[in-house]
Amino acid sequence: MSIEVTMRHSDVRIEALKEYAEQRMQRLAEKFPKVTTINIVIDVDVKKHMYMAEVVANRLGETAVGAKEFSESAKSVIDTAAARAERQLLKMRVKARKGTVRKQRAASAKN
């Protein structure tokens, strides 16, 4: 599992914010063990005082989730983007399980 945090358009490197993003993504990775890589890009717009966070999670070699959020608070934008990615991953997990169950039921009904 690899987690990559990228800060863009920021003159000052905010190490505390990077550490917070890594911790939040680590919790996401623990809930979904099939996720192989998580990339989070935090973009700072100094003029508008806005933050943008984009989370891209790759699951078993394919891009599973892309979540983008905007906010005035850096930590809240990370939390909302992570929550959105978590909902999308949960939805994918449920769909995958339902598809497997349906295929097994169809195969057993034919036999």
PDB file of N, CA and C in Angstrom:
ATOM      1  N   MET A   1       0.849  -1.176   0.000  1.00  0.00           N
ATOM      2  CA  MET A   1       0.000   0.000   0.000  1.00  0.00           C
ATOM      3  C   MET A   1       0.888   1.229   0.000  1.00  0.00           C
ATOM      4  N   SER A   2       0.682   2.064  -0.979  1.00  0.00           N
ATOM      5  CA  SER A   2       1.443   3.305  -1.019  1.00  0.00           C
ATOM      6  C   SER A   2       0.490   4.492  -0.987  1.00  0.00           C
ATOM      7  N   ILE A   3       0.878   5.478  -0.216  1.00  0.00           N
ATOM      8  CA  ILE A   3       0.102   6.707  -0.077  1.00  0.00           C
ATOM      9  C   ILE A   3       1.006   7.857  -0.495  1.00  0.00           C
ATOM     10  N   GLU A   4       0.533   8.643  -1.459  1.00  0.00           N
ATOM     11  CA  GLU A   4       1.312   9.766  -1.953  1.00  0.00           C
ATOM     12  C   GLU A   4       0.530  11.054  -1.743  1.00  0.00           C
ATOM     13  N   VAL A   5       1.152  12.015  -1.056  1.00  0.00           N
ATOM     14  CA  VAL A   5       0.531  13.311  -0.795  1.00  0.00           C
ATOM     15  C   VAL A   5       1.307  14.365  -1.563  1.00  0.00           C
ATOM     16  N   THR A   6       0.592  15.159  -2.376  1.00  0.00           N
ATOM     17  CA  THR A   6       1.217  16.203  -3.175  1.00  0.00           C
ATOM     18  C   THR A   6       0.578  17.538  -2.828  1.00  0.00           C
ATOM     19  N   MET A   7       1.431  18.529  -2.571  1.00  0.00           N
ATOM     20  CA  MET A   7       0.958  19.894  -2.312  1.00  0.00           C
ATOM     21  C   MET A   7       1.296  20.735  -3.532  1.00  0.00           C
ATOM     22  N   ARG A   8       0.307  21.488  -4.033  1.00  0.00           N
ATOM     23  CA  ARG A   8       0.532  22.337  -5.194  1.00  0.00           C
ATOM     24  C   ARG A   8       0.209  23.786  -4.859  1.00  0.00           C
ATOM     25  N   HIS A   9       0.891  24.676  -5.544  1.00  0.00           N
ATOM     26  CA  HIS A   9       0.691  26.114  -5.435  1.00  0.00           C
ATOM     27  C   HIS A   9       0.812  26.616  -4.000  1.00  0.00           C
ATOM     28  N   SER A  10       1.739  26.055  -3.287  1.00  0.00           N
ATOM     29  CA  SER A  10       1.968  26.483  -1.916  1.00  0.00           C
ATOM     30  C   SER A  10       3.439  26.826  -1.757  1.00  0.00           C
ATOM     31  N   ASP A  11       3.715  28.064  -1.359  1.00  0.00           N
ATOM     32  CA  ASP A  11       5.097  28.473  -1.143  1.00  0.00           C
ATOM     33  C   ASP A  11       5.676  27.814   0.109  1.00  0.00           C
ATOM     34  N   VAL A  12       4.850  27.698   1.110  1.00  0.00           N
ATOM     35  CA  VAL A  12       5.282  27.115   2.372  1.00  0.00           C
ATOM     36  C   VAL A  12       4.832  25.655   2.408  1.00  0.00           C
ATOM     37  N   ARG A  13       5.749  24.768   2.660  1.00  0.00           N
ATOM     38  CA  ARG A  13       5.388  23.357   2.792  1.00  0.00           C
ATOM     39  C   ARG A  13       4.816  23.134   4.187  1.00  0.00           C
ATOM     40  N   ILE A  14       3.621  22.719   4.228  1.00  0.00           N
ATOM     41  CA  ILE A  14       2.925  22.526   5.488  1.00  0.00           C
ATOM     42  C   ILE A  14       3.047  21.049   5.855  1.00  0.00           C
ATOM     43  N   GLU A  15       4.040  20.736   6.673  1.00  0.00           N
ATOM     44  CA  GLU A  15       4.305  19.341   7.034  1.00  0.00           C
ATOM     45  C   GLU A  15       3.180  18.762   7.892  1.00  0.00           C
ATOM     46  N   ALA A  16       2.605  19.576   8.766  1.00  0.00           N
ATOM     47  CA  ALA A  16       1.520  19.085   9.612  1.00  0.00           C
ATOM     48  C   ALA A  16       0.315  18.683   8.768  1.00  0.00           C
ATOM     49  N   LEU A  17       0.036  19.450   7.721  1.00  0.00           N
ATOM     50  CA  LEU A  17      -1.086  19.129   6.835  1.00  0.00           C
ATOM     51  C   LEU A  17      -0.811  17.852   6.042  1.00  0.00           C
ATOM     52  N   LYS A  18       0.425  17.674   5.613  1.00  0.00           N
ATOM     53  CA  LYS A  18       0.804  16.450   4.905  1.00  0.00           C
ATOM     54  C   LYS A  18       0.667  15.232   5.811  1.00  0.00           C
ATOM     55  N   GLU A  19       1.117  15.362   7.038  1.00  0.00           N
ATOM     56  CA  GLU A  19       1.007  14.256   7.992  1.00  0.00           C
ATOM     57  C   GLU A  19      -0.450  13.918   8.281  1.00  0.00           C
ATOM     58  N   TYR A  20      -1.288  14.950   8.404  1.00  0.00           N
ATOM     59  CA  TYR A  20      -2.711  14.722   8.650  1.00  0.00           C
ATOM     60  C   TYR A  20      -3.346  13.977   7.473  1.00  0.00           C
ATOM     61  N   ALA A  21      -2.999  14.384   6.258  1.00  0.00           N
ATOM     62  CA  ALA A  21      -3.543  13.726   5.070  1.00  0.00           C
ATOM     63  C   ALA A  21      -3.083  12.276   5.001  1.00  0.00           C
ATOM     64  N   GLU A  22      -1.835  12.003   5.330  1.00  0.00           N
ATOM     65  CA  GLU A  22      -1.332  10.627   5.322  1.00  0.00           C
ATOM     66  C   GLU A  22      -2.054   9.771   6.357  1.00  0.00           C
ATOM     67  N   GLN A  23      -2.281  10.321   7.550  1.00  0.00           N
ATOM     68  CA  GLN A  23      -2.989   9.574   8.587  1.00  0.00           C
ATOM     69  C   GLN A  23      -4.420   9.267   8.167  1.00  0.00           C
ATOM     70  N   ARG A  24      -5.092  10.247   7.559  1.00  0.00           N
ATOM     71  CA  ARG A  24      -6.483  10.061   7.133  1.00  0.00           C
ATOM     72  C   ARG A  24      -6.570   9.015   6.023  1.00  0.00           C
ATOM     73  N   MET A  25      -5.622   9.049   5.091  1.00  0.00           N
ATOM     74  CA  MET A  25      -5.621   8.075   4.007  1.00  0.00           C
ATOM     75  C   MET A  25      -5.233   6.683   4.521  1.00  0.00           C
ATOM     76  N   GLN A  26      -4.412   6.630   5.574  1.00  0.00           N
ATOM     77  CA  GLN A  26      -4.058   5.342   6.165  1.00  0.00           C
ATOM     78  C   GLN A  26      -5.290   4.674   6.767  1.00  0.00           C
ATOM     79  N   ARG A  27      -6.151   5.459   7.405  1.00  0.00           N
ATOM     80  CA  ARG A  27      -7.399   4.902   7.941  1.00  0.00           C
ATOM     81  C   ARG A  27      -8.288   4.381   6.819  1.00  0.00           C
ATOM     82  N   LEU A  28      -8.302   5.090   5.697  1.00  0.00           N
ATOM     83  CA  LEU A  28      -9.069   4.645   4.531  1.00  0.00           C
ATOM     84  C   LEU A  28      -8.498   3.336   3.994  1.00  0.00           C
ATOM     85  N   ALA A  29      -7.182   3.221   3.966  1.00  0.00           N
ATOM     86  CA  ALA A  29      -6.528   2.010   3.468  1.00  0.00           C
ATOM     87  C   ALA A  29      -6.792   0.817   4.379  1.00  0.00           C
ATOM     88  N   GLU A  30      -6.901   1.054   5.679  1.00  0.00           N
ATOM     89  CA  GLU A  30      -7.182  -0.038   6.609  1.00  0.00           C
ATOM     90  C   GLU A  30      -8.585  -0.592   6.415  1.00  0.00           C
ATOM     91  N   LYS A  31      -9.545   0.266   6.075  1.00  0.00           N
ATOM     92  CA  LYS A  31     -10.920  -0.185   5.864  1.00  0.00           C
ATOM     93  C   LYS A  31     -11.074  -0.971   4.571  1.00  0.00           C
ATOM     94  N   PHE A  32     -10.249  -0.640   3.573  1.00  0.00           N
ATOM     95  CA  PHE A  32     -10.351  -1.273   2.266  1.00  0.00           C
ATOM     96  C   PHE A  32      -8.987  -1.861   1.893  1.00  0.00           C
ATOM     97  N   PRO A  33      -8.732  -3.113   2.269  1.00  0.00           N
ATOM     98  CA  PRO A  33      -7.407  -3.699   2.053  1.00  0.00           C
ATOM     99  C   PRO A  33      -7.074  -3.974   0.586  1.00  0.00           C
ATOM    100  N   LYS A  34      -8.046  -4.010  -0.302  1.00  0.00           N
ATOM    101  CA  LYS A  34      -7.764  -4.271  -1.713  1.00  0.00           C
ATOM    102  C   LYS A  34      -7.299  -3.028  -2.464  1.00  0.00           C
ATOM    103  N   VAL A  35      -7.323  -1.880  -1.816  1.00  0.00           N
ATOM    104  CA  VAL A  35      -6.823  -0.647  -2.436  1.00  0.00           C
ATOM    105  C   VAL A  35      -5.295  -0.713  -2.421  1.00  0.00           C
ATOM    106  N   THR A  36      -4.682  -0.543  -3.591  1.00  0.00           N
ATOM    107  CA  THR A  36      -3.233  -0.677  -3.694  1.00  0.00           C
ATOM    108  C   THR A  36      -2.507   0.652  -3.546  1.00  0.00           C
ATOM    109  N   THR A  37      -3.018   1.717  -4.147  1.00  0.00           N
ATOM    110  CA  THR A  37      -2.377   3.029  -4.027  1.00  0.00           C
ATOM    111  C   THR A  37      -3.432   4.105  -3.807  1.00  0.00           C
ATOM    112  N   ILE A  38      -3.053   5.106  -3.038  1.00  0.00           N
ATOM    113  CA  ILE A  38      -3.909   6.266  -2.822  1.00  0.00           C
ATOM    114  C   ILE A  38      -3.071   7.506  -3.086  1.00  0.00           C
ATOM    115  N   ASN A  39      -3.549   8.356  -3.974  1.00  0.00           N
ATOM    116  CA  ASN A  39      -2.896   9.626  -4.266  1.00  0.00           C
ATOM    117  C   ASN A  39      -3.822  10.746  -3.826  1.00  0.00           C
ATOM    118  N   ILE A  40      -3.293  11.696  -3.074  1.00  0.00           N
ATOM    119  CA  ILE A  40      -4.078  12.860  -2.683  1.00  0.00           C
ATOM    120  C   ILE A  40      -3.300  14.107  -3.086  1.00  0.00           C
ATOM    121  N   VAL A  41      -3.990  14.993  -3.790  1.00  0.00           N
ATOM    122  CA  VAL A  41      -3.402  16.252  -4.239  1.00  0.00           C
ATOM    123  C   VAL A  41      -4.120  17.376  -3.514  1.00  0.00           C
ATOM    124  N   ILE A  42      -3.356  18.206  -2.801  1.00  0.00           N
ATOM    125  CA  ILE A  42      -3.919  19.341  -2.081  1.00  0.00           C
ATOM    126  C   ILE A  42      -3.443  20.600  -2.793  1.00  0.00           C
ATOM    127  N   ASP A  43      -4.392  21.353  -3.300  1.00  0.00           N
ATOM    128  CA  ASP A  43      -4.088  22.560  -4.056  1.00  0.00           C
ATOM    129  C   ASP A  43      -4.527  23.768  -3.231  1.00  0.00           C
ATOM    130  N   VAL A  44      -3.669  24.771  -3.144  1.00  0.00           N
ATOM    131  CA  VAL A  44      -3.954  25.966  -2.347  1.00  0.00           C
ATOM    132  C   VAL A  44      -4.115  27.152  -3.281  1.00  0.00           C
ATOM    133  N   ASP A  45      -5.257  27.835  -3.194  1.00  0.00           N
ATOM    134  CA  ASP A  45      -5.474  29.064  -3.945  1.00  0.00           C
ATOM    135  C   ASP A  45      -5.370  30.218  -2.952  1.00  0.00           C
ATOM    136  N   VAL A  46      -4.238  30.897  -2.967  1.00  0.00           N
ATOM    137  CA  VAL A  46      -3.948  31.931  -1.963  1.00  0.00           C
ATOM    138  C   VAL A  46      -4.864  33.131  -2.137  1.00  0.00           C
ATOM    139  N   LYS A  47      -5.174  33.502  -3.368  1.00  0.00           N
ATOM    140  CA  LYS A  47      -5.986  34.692  -3.609  1.00  0.00           C
ATOM    141  C   LYS A  47      -7.417  34.532  -3.099  1.00  0.00           C
ATOM    142  N   LYS A  48      -7.985  33.360  -3.294  1.00  0.00           N
ATOM    143  CA  LYS A  48      -9.367  33.126  -2.878  1.00  0.00           C
ATOM    144  C   LYS A  48      -9.472  32.490  -1.493  1.00  0.00           C
ATOM    145  N   HIS A  49      -8.330  32.139  -0.903  1.00  0.00           N
ATOM    146  CA  HIS A  49      -8.299  31.468   0.395  1.00  0.00           C
ATOM    147  C   HIS A  49      -9.108  30.180   0.364  1.00  0.00           C
ATOM    148  N   MET A  50      -8.888  29.380  -0.669  1.00  0.00           N
ATOM    149  CA  MET A  50      -9.601  28.114  -0.840  1.00  0.00           C
ATOM    150  C   MET A  50      -8.595  26.978  -0.948  1.00  0.00           C
ATOM    151  N   TYR A  51      -9.029  25.812  -0.493  1.00  0.00           N
ATOM    152  CA  TYR A  51      -8.245  24.592  -0.620  1.00  0.00           C
ATOM    153  C   TYR A  51      -9.029  23.614  -1.479  1.00  0.00           C
ATOM    154  N   MET A  52      -8.301  22.818  -2.251  1.00  0.00           N
ATOM    155  CA  MET A  52      -8.914  21.773  -3.051  1.00  0.00           C
ATOM    156  C   MET A  52      -8.157  20.482  -2.759  1.00  0.00           C
ATOM    157  N   ALA A  53      -8.899  19.420  -2.523  1.00  0.00           N
ATOM    158  CA  ALA A  53      -8.283  18.115  -2.301  1.00  0.00           C
ATOM    159  C   ALA A  53      -8.890  17.125  -3.279  1.00  0.00           C
ATOM    160  N   GLU A  54      -8.027  16.375  -3.916  1.00  0.00           N
ATOM    161  CA  GLU A  54      -8.471  15.357  -4.863  1.00  0.00           C
ATOM    162  C   GLU A  54      -7.863  14.025  -4.442  1.00  0.00           C
ATOM    163  N   VAL A  55      -8.717  13.034  -4.242  1.00  0.00           N
ATOM    164  CA  VAL A  55      -8.279  11.703  -3.816  1.00  0.00           C
ATOM    165  C   VAL A  55      -8.523  10.742  -4.972  1.00  0.00           C
ATOM    166  N   VAL A  56      -7.483  10.007  -5.335  1.00  0.00           N
ATOM    167  CA  VAL A  56      -7.598   8.975  -6.371  1.00  0.00           C
ATOM    168  C   VAL A  56      -7.091   7.680  -5.761  1.00  0.00           C
ATOM    169  N   ALA A  57      -7.965   6.686  -5.704  1.00  0.00           N
ATOM    170  CA  ALA A  57      -7.610   5.385  -5.135  1.00  0.00           C
ATOM    171  C   ALA A  57      -7.619   4.340  -6.243  1.00  0.00           C
ATOM    172  N   ASN A  58      -6.567   3.565  -6.315  1.00  0.00           N
ATOM    173  CA  ASN A  58      -6.473   2.488  -7.287  1.00  0.00           C
ATOM    174  C   ASN A  58      -6.723   1.169  -6.571  1.00  0.00           C
ATOM    175  N   ARG A  59      -7.614   0.396  -7.139  1.00  0.00           N
ATOM    176  CA  ARG A  59      -8.012  -0.867  -6.532  1.00  0.00           C
ATOM    177  C   ARG A  59      -7.727  -1.987  -7.514  1.00  0.00           C
ATOM    178  N   LEU A  60      -6.813  -2.861  -7.149  1.00  0.00           N
ATOM    179  CA  LEU A  60      -6.457  -4.024  -7.959  1.00  0.00           C
ATOM    180  C   LEU A  60      -6.093  -3.646  -9.393  1.00  0.00           C
ATOM    181  N   GLY A  61      -5.293  -2.598  -9.541  1.00  0.00           N
ATOM    182  CA  GLY A  61      -4.796  -2.224 -10.848  1.00  0.00           C
ATOM    183  C   GLY A  61      -5.684  -1.306 -11.662  1.00  0.00           C
ATOM    184  N   GLU A  62      -6.852  -0.969 -11.188  1.00  0.00           N
ATOM    185  CA  GLU A  62      -7.727  -0.057 -11.923  1.00  0.00           C
ATOM    186  C   GLU A  62      -8.102   1.121 -11.044  1.00  0.00           C
ATOM    187  N   THR A  63      -8.379   2.251 -11.670  1.00  0.00           N
ATOM    188  CA  THR A  63      -8.774   3.427 -10.911  1.00  0.00           C
ATOM    189  C   THR A  63     -10.184   3.220 -10.390  1.00  0.00           C
ATOM    190  N   ALA A  64     -10.307   3.236  -9.092  1.00  0.00           N
ATOM    191  CA  ALA A  64     -11.587   2.932  -8.479  1.00  0.00           C
ATOM    192  C   ALA A  64     -12.340   4.193  -8.098  1.00  0.00           C
ATOM    193  N   VAL A  65     -11.639   5.159  -7.569  1.00  0.00           N
ATOM    194  CA  VAL A  65     -12.316   6.308  -6.984  1.00  0.00           C
ATOM    195  C   VAL A  65     -11.587   7.581  -7.344  1.00  0.00           C
ATOM    196  N   GLY A  66     -12.348   8.593  -7.645  1.00  0.00           N
ATOM    197  CA  GLY A  66     -11.830   9.934  -7.791  1.00  0.00           C
ATOM    198  C   GLY A  66     -12.773  10.883  -7.098  1.00  0.00           C
ATOM    199  N   ALA A  67     -12.309  11.553  -6.056  1.00  0.00           N
ATOM    200  CA  ALA A  67     -13.154  12.467  -5.297  1.00  0.00           C
ATOM    201  C   ALA A  67     -12.453  13.820  -5.199  1.00  0.00           C
ATOM    202  N   LYS A  68     -13.189  14.873  -5.487  1.00  0.00           N
ATOM    203  CA  LYS A  68     -12.629  16.222  -5.451  1.00  0.00           C
ATOM    204  C   LYS A  68     -13.534  17.098  -4.598  1.00  0.00           C
ATOM    205  N   GLU A  69     -12.926  17.867  -3.693  1.00  0.00           N
ATOM    206  CA  GLU A  69     -13.677  18.741  -2.790  1.00  0.00           C
ATOM    207  C   GLU A  69     -12.993  20.090  -2.683  1.00  0.00           C
ATOM    208  N   PHE A  70     -13.796  21.129  -2.403  1.00  0.00           N
ATOM    209  CA  PHE A  70     -13.311  22.489  -2.205  1.00  0.00           C
ATOM    210  C   PHE A  70     -13.805  22.994  -0.856  1.00  0.00           C
ATOM    211  N   SER A  71     -12.955  23.741  -0.139  1.00  0.00           N
ATOM    212  CA  SER A  71     -13.356  24.308   1.145  1.00  0.00           C
ATOM    213  C   SER A  71     -12.367  25.397   1.550  1.00  0.00           C
ATOM    214  N   GLU A  72     -12.753  26.162   2.570  1.00  0.00           N
ATOM    215  CA  GLU A  72     -11.873  27.201   3.092  1.00  0.00           C
ATOM    216  C   GLU A  72     -10.941  26.673   4.168  1.00  0.00           C
ATOM    217  N   SER A  73     -11.234  25.516   4.717  1.00  0.00           N
ATOM    218  CA  SER A  73     -10.416  24.913   5.757  1.00  0.00           C
ATOM    219  C   SER A  73      -9.650  23.718   5.178  1.00  0.00           C
ATOM    220  N   ALA A  74      -8.375  23.637   5.488  1.00  0.00           N
ATOM    221  CA  ALA A  74      -7.539  22.582   4.917  1.00  0.00           C
ATOM    222  C   ALA A  74      -7.915  21.205   5.451  1.00  0.00           C
ATOM    223  N   LYS A  75      -8.115  21.085   6.740  1.00  0.00           N
ATOM    224  CA  LYS A  75      -8.440  19.777   7.310  1.00  0.00           C
ATOM    225  C   LYS A  75      -9.827  19.310   6.907  1.00  0.00           C
ATOM    226  N   SER A  76     -10.771  20.229   6.815  1.00  0.00           N
ATOM    227  CA  SER A  76     -12.122  19.822   6.442  1.00  0.00           C
ATOM    228  C   SER A  76     -12.178  19.354   4.994  1.00  0.00           C
ATOM    229  N   VAL A  77     -11.368  19.956   4.119  1.00  0.00           N
ATOM    230  CA  VAL A  77     -11.375  19.524   2.725  1.00  0.00           C
ATOM    231  C   VAL A  77     -10.790  18.114   2.609  1.00  0.00           C
ATOM    232  N   ILE A  78      -9.788  17.797   3.418  1.00  0.00           N
ATOM    233  CA  ILE A  78      -9.223  16.448   3.414  1.00  0.00           C
ATOM    234  C   ILE A  78     -10.239  15.446   3.942  1.00  0.00           C
ATOM    235  N   ASP A  79     -10.920  15.813   5.037  1.00  0.00           N
ATOM    236  CA  ASP A  79     -11.913  14.912   5.621  1.00  0.00           C
ATOM    237  C   ASP A  79     -13.079  14.646   4.682  1.00  0.00           C
ATOM    238  N   THR A  80     -13.593  15.686   4.031  1.00  0.00           N
ATOM    239  CA  THR A  80     -14.746  15.483   3.149  1.00  0.00           C
ATOM    240  C   THR A  80     -14.360  14.698   1.900  1.00  0.00           C
ATOM    241  N   ALA A  81     -13.174  14.937   1.367  1.00  0.00           N
ATOM    242  CA  ALA A  81     -12.732  14.168   0.200  1.00  0.00           C
ATOM    243  C   ALA A  81     -12.527  12.698   0.575  1.00  0.00           C
ATOM    244  N   ALA A  82     -11.969  12.444   1.753  1.00  0.00           N
ATOM    245  CA  ALA A  82     -11.774  11.072   2.209  1.00  0.00           C
ATOM    246  C   ALA A  82     -13.111  10.387   2.471  1.00  0.00           C
ATOM    247  N   ALA A  83     -14.068  11.109   3.040  1.00  0.00           N
ATOM    248  CA  ALA A  83     -15.389  10.536   3.289  1.00  0.00           C
ATOM    249  C   ALA A  83     -16.094  10.200   1.979  1.00  0.00           C
ATOM    250  N   ARG A  84     -15.950  11.061   0.999  1.00  0.00           N
ATOM    251  CA  ARG A  84     -16.563  10.809  -0.304  1.00  0.00           C
ATOM    252  C   ARG A  84     -15.930   9.589  -0.980  1.00  0.00           C
ATOM    253  N   ALA A  85     -14.605   9.491  -0.893  1.00  0.00           N
ATOM    254  CA  ALA A  85     -13.902   8.336  -1.458  1.00  0.00           C
ATOM    255  C   ALA A  85     -14.309   7.055  -0.739  1.00  0.00           C
ATOM    256  N   GLU A  86     -14.499   7.149   0.575  1.00  0.00           N
ATOM    257  CA  GLU A  86     -14.918   5.986   1.357  1.00  0.00           C
ATOM    258  C   GLU A  86     -16.309   5.509   0.928  1.00  0.00           C
ATOM    259  N   ARG A  87     -17.223   6.446   0.709  1.00  0.00           N
ATOM    260  CA  ARG A  87     -18.566   6.066   0.256  1.00  0.00           C
ATOM    261  C   ARG A  87     -18.511   5.391  -1.113  1.00  0.00           C
ATOM    262  N   GLN A  88     -17.679   5.918  -1.999  1.00  0.00           N
ATOM    263  CA  GLN A  88     -17.575   5.339  -3.334  1.00  0.00           C
ATOM    264  C   GLN A  88     -16.955   3.942  -3.291  1.00  0.00           C
ATOM    265  N   LEU A  89     -15.931   3.758  -2.451  1.00  0.00           N
ATOM    266  CA  LEU A  89     -15.324   2.438  -2.315  1.00  0.00           C
ATOM    267  C   LEU A  89     -16.291   1.441  -1.704  1.00  0.00           C
ATOM    268  N   LEU A  90     -17.076   1.881  -0.741  1.00  0.00           N
ATOM    269  CA  LEU A  90     -18.078   1.010  -0.131  1.00  0.00           C
ATOM    270  C   LEU A  90     -19.120   0.598  -1.157  1.00  0.00           C
ATOM    271  N   LYS A  91     -19.541   1.538  -1.987  1.00  0.00           N
ATOM    272  CA  LYS A  91     -20.513   1.235  -3.032  1.00  0.00           C
ATOM    273  C   LYS A  91     -19.943   0.213  -4.023  1.00  0.00           C
ATOM    274  N   MET A  92     -18.670   0.365  -4.375  1.00  0.00           N
ATOM    275  CA  MET A  92     -18.030  -0.588  -5.283  1.00  0.00           C
ATOM    276  C   MET A  92     -17.942  -1.969  -4.657  1.00  0.00           C
ATOM    277  N   ARG A  93     -17.650  -2.019  -3.351  1.00  0.00           N
ATOM    278  CA  ARG A  93     -17.555  -3.307  -2.666  1.00  0.00           C
ATOM    279  C   ARG A  93     -18.902  -4.014  -2.660  1.00  0.00           C
ATOM    280  N   VAL A  94     -19.958  -3.271  -2.388  1.00  0.00           N
ATOM    281  CA  VAL A  94     -21.301  -3.860  -2.357  1.00  0.00           C
ATOM    282  C   VAL A  94     -21.696  -4.365  -3.737  1.00  0.00           C
ATOM    283  N   LYS A  95     -21.425  -3.576  -4.771  1.00  0.00           N
ATOM    284  CA  LYS A  95     -21.761  -4.000  -6.131  1.00  0.00           C
ATOM    285  C   LYS A  95     -20.993  -5.248  -6.530  1.00  0.00           C
ATOM    286  N   ALA A  96     -19.737  -5.311  -6.150  1.00  0.00           N
ATOM    287  CA  ALA A  96     -18.926  -6.482  -6.494  1.00  0.00           C
ATOM    288  C   ALA A  96     -19.457  -7.724  -5.797  1.00  0.00           C
ATOM    289  N   ARG A  97     -19.835  -7.596  -4.554  1.00  0.00           N
ATOM    290  CA  ARG A  97     -20.370  -8.750  -3.821  1.00  0.00           C
ATOM    291  C   ARG A  97     -21.712  -9.195  -4.370  1.00  0.00           C
ATOM    292  N   LYS A  98     -22.579  -8.259  -4.720  1.00  0.00           N
ATOM    293  CA  LYS A  98     -23.875  -8.617  -5.284  1.00  0.00           C
ATOM    294  C   LYS A  98     -23.709  -9.337  -6.610  1.00  0.00           C
ATOM    295  N   GLY A  99     -22.789  -8.881  -7.428  1.00  0.00           N
ATOM    296  CA  GLY A  99     -22.550  -9.527  -8.713  1.00  0.00           C
ATOM    297  C   GLY A  99     -22.069 -10.949  -8.537  1.00  0.00           C
ATOM    298  N   THR A 100     -21.211 -11.194  -7.570  1.00  0.00           N
ATOM    299  CA  THR A 100     -20.703 -12.531  -7.310  1.00  0.00           C
ATOM    300  C   THR A 100     -21.814 -13.442  -6.814  1.00  0.00           C
ATOM    301  N   VAL A 101     -22.646 -12.939  -5.926  1.00  0.00           N
ATOM    302  CA  VAL A 101     -23.744 -13.731  -5.386  1.00  0.00           C
ATOM    303  C   VAL A 101     -24.733 -14.085  -6.488  1.00  0.00           C
ATOM    304  N   ARG A 102     -25.043 -13.131  -7.358  1.00  0.00           N
ATOM    305  CA  ARG A 102     -25.976 -13.397  -8.449  1.00  0.00           C
ATOM    306  C   ARG A 102     -25.438 -14.452  -9.395  1.00  0.00           C
ATOM    307  N   LYS A 103     -24.165 -14.401  -9.716  1.00  0.00           N
ATOM    308  CA  LYS A 103     -23.564 -15.389 -10.605  1.00  0.00           C
ATOM    309  C   LYS A 103     -23.591 -16.779  -9.974  1.00  0.00           C
ATOM    310  N   GLN A 104     -23.331 -16.868  -8.673  1.00  0.00           N
ATOM    311  CA  GLN A 104     -23.353 -18.153  -7.985  1.00  0.00           C
ATOM    312  C   GLN A 104     -24.773 -18.721  -7.949  1.00  0.00           C
ATOM    313  N   ARG A 105     -25.766 -17.882  -7.705  1.00  0.00           N
ATOM    314  CA  ARG A 105     -27.151 -18.341  -7.676  1.00  0.00           C
ATOM    315  C   ARG A 105     -27.609 -18.813  -9.053  1.00  0.00           C
ATOM    316  N   ALA A 106     -27.222 -18.085 -10.089  1.00  0.00           N
ATOM    317  CA  ALA A 106     -27.597 -18.474 -11.446  1.00  0.00           C
ATOM    318  C   ALA A 106     -26.946 -19.784 -11.832  1.00  0.00           C
ATOM    319  N   ALA A 107     -25.708 -19.999 -11.452  1.00  0.00           N
ATOM    320  CA  ALA A 107     -25.015 -21.233 -11.773  1.00  0.00           C
ATOM    321  C   ALA A 107     -25.626 -22.410 -11.029  1.00  0.00           C
ATOM    322  N   SER A 108     -26.012 -22.204  -9.773  1.00  0.00           N
ATOM    323  CA  SER A 108     -26.595 -23.300  -8.998  1.00  0.00           C
ATOM    324  C   SER A 108     -28.018 -23.628  -9.458  1.00  0.00           C
ATOM    325  N   ALA A 109     -28.733 -22.648  -9.981  1.00  0.00           N
ATOM    326  CA  ALA A 109     -30.093 -22.892 -10.463  1.00  0.00           C
ATOM    327  C   ALA A 109     -30.073 -23.691 -11.759  1.00  0.00           C
ATOM    328  N   LYS A 110     -29.053 -23.521 -12.572  1.00  0.00           N
ATOM    329  CA  LYS A 110     -28.958 -24.256 -13.823  1.00  0.00           C
ATOM    330  C   LYS A 110     -28.588 -25.718 -13.588  1.00  0.00           C
ATOM    331  N   ASN A 111     -27.871 -25.983 -12.525  1.00  0.00           N
ATOM    332  CA  ASN A 111     -27.441 -27.362 -12.243  1.00  0.00           C
ATOM    333  C   ASN A 111     -28.525 -28.062 -11.556  1.00  0.00           C
TER     334      ASN A 111
END
